[in-house]
Structure formats: C-alpha cells, structure tokens
N, C-alpha and C. Protein backbone atom coordinates (compact mmCIF):
# COMPACT_ATOMS: atom_id res chain seq x y z
N MET A 1 -121.22 13.15 -0.31
CA MET A 1 -122.40 13.11 0.53
C MET A 1 -122.94 14.52 0.70
N SER A 2 -124.20 14.57 0.86
CA SER A 2 -124.78 15.90 1.05
C SER A 2 -124.63 16.32 2.52
N ASP A 3 -124.78 17.57 2.73
CA ASP A 3 -124.63 18.11 4.08
C ASP A 3 -125.66 17.52 5.05
N VAL A 4 -126.84 17.24 4.58
CA VAL A 4 -127.89 16.70 5.45
C VAL A 4 -127.50 15.32 5.95
N VAL A 5 -126.92 14.51 5.11
CA VAL A 5 -126.50 13.16 5.50
C VAL A 5 -125.38 13.24 6.52
N ILE A 6 -124.44 14.12 6.33
CA ILE A 6 -123.32 14.30 7.27
C ILE A 6 -123.84 14.74 8.63
N VAL A 7 -124.76 15.70 8.64
CA VAL A 7 -125.33 16.18 9.91
C VAL A 7 -126.09 15.05 10.60
N ALA A 8 -126.82 14.26 9.85
CA ALA A 8 -127.56 13.14 10.42
C ALA A 8 -126.62 12.10 11.02
N LEU A 9 -125.52 11.81 10.34
CA LEU A 9 -124.55 10.85 10.86
C LEU A 9 -123.88 11.36 12.14
N ILE A 10 -123.52 12.64 12.14
CA ILE A 10 -122.90 13.23 13.32
C ILE A 10 -123.87 13.22 14.49
N SER A 11 -125.13 13.55 14.24
CA SER A 11 -126.14 13.54 15.30
C SER A 11 -126.35 12.14 15.85
N SER A 12 -126.41 11.17 14.97
CA SER A 12 -126.60 9.78 15.41
C SER A 12 -125.41 9.31 16.24
N ALA A 13 -124.22 9.60 15.76
CA ALA A 13 -123.02 9.19 16.49
C ALA A 13 -122.96 9.86 17.85
N THR A 14 -123.31 11.12 17.92
CA THR A 14 -123.30 11.85 19.19
C THR A 14 -124.31 11.24 20.15
N ALA A 15 -125.50 10.92 19.68
CA ALA A 15 -126.53 10.32 20.52
C ALA A 15 -126.08 8.97 21.06
N ILE A 16 -125.42 8.18 20.23
CA ILE A 16 -124.92 6.88 20.68
C ILE A 16 -123.85 7.05 21.74
N VAL A 17 -122.93 7.96 21.52
CA VAL A 17 -121.85 8.19 22.49
C VAL A 17 -122.43 8.68 23.81
N VAL A 18 -123.37 9.60 23.75
CA VAL A 18 -123.98 10.12 24.98
C VAL A 18 -124.72 9.01 25.71
N ALA A 19 -125.37 8.12 24.99
CA ALA A 19 -126.08 7.01 25.62
C ALA A 19 -125.13 6.01 26.25
N LEU A 20 -123.93 5.86 25.71
CA LEU A 20 -122.98 4.88 26.22
C LEU A 20 -122.12 5.40 27.37
N ILE A 21 -122.03 6.70 27.54
CA ILE A 21 -121.16 7.27 28.58
C ILE A 21 -121.50 6.72 29.97
N PRO A 22 -122.77 6.67 30.39
CA PRO A 22 -123.05 6.13 31.74
C PRO A 22 -122.65 4.66 31.89
N GLN A 23 -122.67 3.90 30.80
CA GLN A 23 -122.25 2.51 30.90
C GLN A 23 -120.75 2.38 30.94
N ILE A 24 -120.05 3.26 30.26
CA ILE A 24 -118.59 3.23 30.25
C ILE A 24 -118.04 3.73 31.58
N PHE A 25 -118.62 4.82 32.09
CA PHE A 25 -118.18 5.43 33.34
C PHE A 25 -119.33 5.40 34.34
N PRO A 26 -119.56 4.27 34.99
CA PRO A 26 -120.69 4.21 35.94
C PRO A 26 -120.43 5.09 37.15
N GLU A 27 -121.53 5.57 37.74
CA GLU A 27 -121.38 6.40 38.94
C GLU A 27 -120.87 5.53 40.06
N ARG A 28 -119.98 6.09 40.81
CA ARG A 28 -119.44 5.36 41.95
C ARG A 28 -120.23 5.75 43.17
N LYS A 29 -121.16 4.90 43.53
CA LYS A 29 -122.00 5.16 44.70
C LYS A 29 -121.37 4.47 45.89
N GLU A 30 -121.08 5.26 46.90
CA GLU A 30 -120.56 4.69 48.12
C GLU A 30 -121.72 4.12 48.91
N ASP A 31 -121.47 3.08 49.66
CA ASP A 31 -122.52 2.49 50.47
C ASP A 31 -122.78 3.40 51.65
N SER A 32 -123.71 4.30 51.47
CA SER A 32 -124.04 5.20 52.55
C SER A 32 -125.00 4.53 53.50
N ALA A 33 -125.02 5.01 54.71
CA ALA A 33 -125.87 4.40 55.72
C ALA A 33 -127.34 4.61 55.42
N ALA A 34 -127.67 5.64 54.70
CA ALA A 34 -129.07 5.95 54.44
C ALA A 34 -129.68 5.03 53.38
N THR A 35 -128.90 4.26 52.67
CA THR A 35 -129.44 3.39 51.63
C THR A 35 -129.91 2.06 52.17
N ASN A 36 -129.50 1.69 53.36
CA ASN A 36 -129.84 0.40 53.92
C ASN A 36 -130.92 0.57 54.98
N GLY A 37 -131.96 -0.25 54.94
CA GLY A 37 -133.06 -0.13 55.90
C GLY A 37 -132.61 -0.33 57.33
N ASP A 38 -131.72 -1.29 57.56
CA ASP A 38 -131.22 -1.53 58.91
C ASP A 38 -130.43 -0.33 59.40
N SER A 39 -129.68 0.27 58.52
CA SER A 39 -128.87 1.42 58.89
C SER A 39 -129.76 2.62 59.24
N ILE A 40 -130.91 2.73 58.57
CA ILE A 40 -131.81 3.84 58.87
C ILE A 40 -132.33 3.71 60.29
N SER A 41 -132.70 2.49 60.70
CA SER A 41 -133.17 2.31 62.07
C SER A 41 -132.05 2.58 63.07
N GLU A 42 -130.83 2.19 62.72
CA GLU A 42 -129.69 2.48 63.59
C GLU A 42 -129.47 3.98 63.70
N LEU A 43 -129.61 4.69 62.59
CA LEU A 43 -129.45 6.14 62.62
C LEU A 43 -130.53 6.80 63.45
N LYS A 44 -131.75 6.27 63.39
CA LYS A 44 -132.84 6.82 64.21
C LYS A 44 -132.55 6.62 65.69
N LYS A 45 -132.04 5.44 66.04
CA LYS A 45 -131.69 5.19 67.44
C LYS A 45 -130.57 6.13 67.89
N GLU A 46 -129.58 6.29 67.04
CA GLU A 46 -128.47 7.18 67.37
C GLU A 46 -128.95 8.62 67.50
N ASN A 47 -129.87 9.01 66.61
CA ASN A 47 -130.42 10.36 66.67
C ASN A 47 -131.17 10.58 67.97
N GLY A 48 -131.95 9.59 68.40
CA GLY A 48 -132.67 9.69 69.67
C GLY A 48 -131.71 9.82 70.84
N ALA A 49 -130.63 9.04 70.82
CA ALA A 49 -129.64 9.11 71.90
C ALA A 49 -128.96 10.47 71.92
N LEU A 50 -128.67 11.02 70.74
CA LEU A 50 -128.02 12.33 70.67
C LEU A 50 -128.97 13.43 71.16
N LYS A 51 -130.26 13.30 70.84
CA LYS A 51 -131.23 14.28 71.33
C LYS A 51 -131.31 14.25 72.85
N LYS A 52 -131.31 13.04 73.42
CA LYS A 52 -131.36 12.90 74.88
C LYS A 52 -130.11 13.52 75.50
N GLU A 53 -128.96 13.25 74.91
CA GLU A 53 -127.71 13.82 75.42
C GLU A 53 -127.74 15.34 75.32
N ASN A 54 -128.30 15.86 74.23
CA ASN A 54 -128.40 17.29 74.05
C ASN A 54 -129.28 17.93 75.13
N VAL A 55 -130.39 17.27 75.45
CA VAL A 55 -131.29 17.78 76.48
C VAL A 55 -130.57 17.81 77.84
N GLU A 56 -129.84 16.75 78.14
CA GLU A 56 -129.10 16.70 79.41
C GLU A 56 -128.06 17.82 79.49
N LYS A 57 -127.35 18.03 78.40
CA LYS A 57 -126.33 19.08 78.40
C LYS A 57 -126.98 20.46 78.49
N GLN A 58 -128.13 20.63 77.86
CA GLN A 58 -128.83 21.91 77.92
C GLN A 58 -129.30 22.19 79.35
N GLU A 59 -129.72 21.14 80.07
CA GLU A 59 -130.11 21.32 81.47
C GLU A 59 -128.93 21.79 82.30
N ILE A 60 -127.75 21.22 82.05
CA ILE A 60 -126.54 21.63 82.77
C ILE A 60 -126.22 23.09 82.45
N ILE A 61 -126.31 23.47 81.19
CA ILE A 61 -126.04 24.84 80.78
C ILE A 61 -127.02 25.80 81.45
N ASP A 62 -128.30 25.43 81.45
CA ASP A 62 -129.32 26.27 82.09
C ASP A 62 -129.06 26.42 83.58
N TYR A 63 -128.63 25.34 84.24
CA TYR A 63 -128.33 25.39 85.67
C TYR A 63 -127.22 26.41 85.94
N TYR A 64 -126.14 26.35 85.18
CA TYR A 64 -125.03 27.27 85.41
C TYR A 64 -125.39 28.70 85.02
N ARG A 65 -126.24 28.90 84.05
CA ARG A 65 -126.69 30.25 83.71
C ARG A 65 -127.50 30.84 84.84
N LYS A 66 -128.40 30.05 85.42
CA LYS A 66 -129.22 30.54 86.55
C LYS A 66 -128.34 30.81 87.76
N ARG A 67 -127.36 29.94 88.00
CA ARG A 67 -126.50 30.08 89.15
C ARG A 67 -125.63 31.34 89.05
N ASP A 68 -125.18 31.66 87.83
CA ASP A 68 -124.29 32.79 87.64
C ASP A 68 -125.01 34.13 87.67
N LYS A 69 -126.33 34.14 87.57
CA LYS A 69 -127.07 35.41 87.56
C LYS A 69 -127.11 36.05 88.91
C-alpha cells in the first residue's frame, strides 16, 4: 500500500474512535438542583430566606457595634 492510503486509513480510524468515545464513556451528570425547574423555584425561595436571615443578623451586628462605641 502506498503511504497516502495508510495515512487515510489511520485518519479514518482515528475519527471513528474519537466519534465513539462519548458513546462508550458517557458523561456522568449528577442530578443537580439547578437542572430541574421545581428545584430552581425552591432555590429562589431558599435564597430569599437566607437574604432575610442575613439582614436580621446584620442588624444585630450593627446594634452591637453602635453599643460598643
């Protein structure tokens, strides 16, 4: 066989192997909360609650800072 044919066969085989790798080894996607629409709304509610808690704690911190001055 000529060198050109060998290079073409190697290139073809490589392309096929590269194309098959994702099917042989699929990505393992964990079910994250951000992928589900219901979970996104739950995260938004939780985020709102955490912001409210943060504001309350900041008020307490500000009170003690003013008191200690």
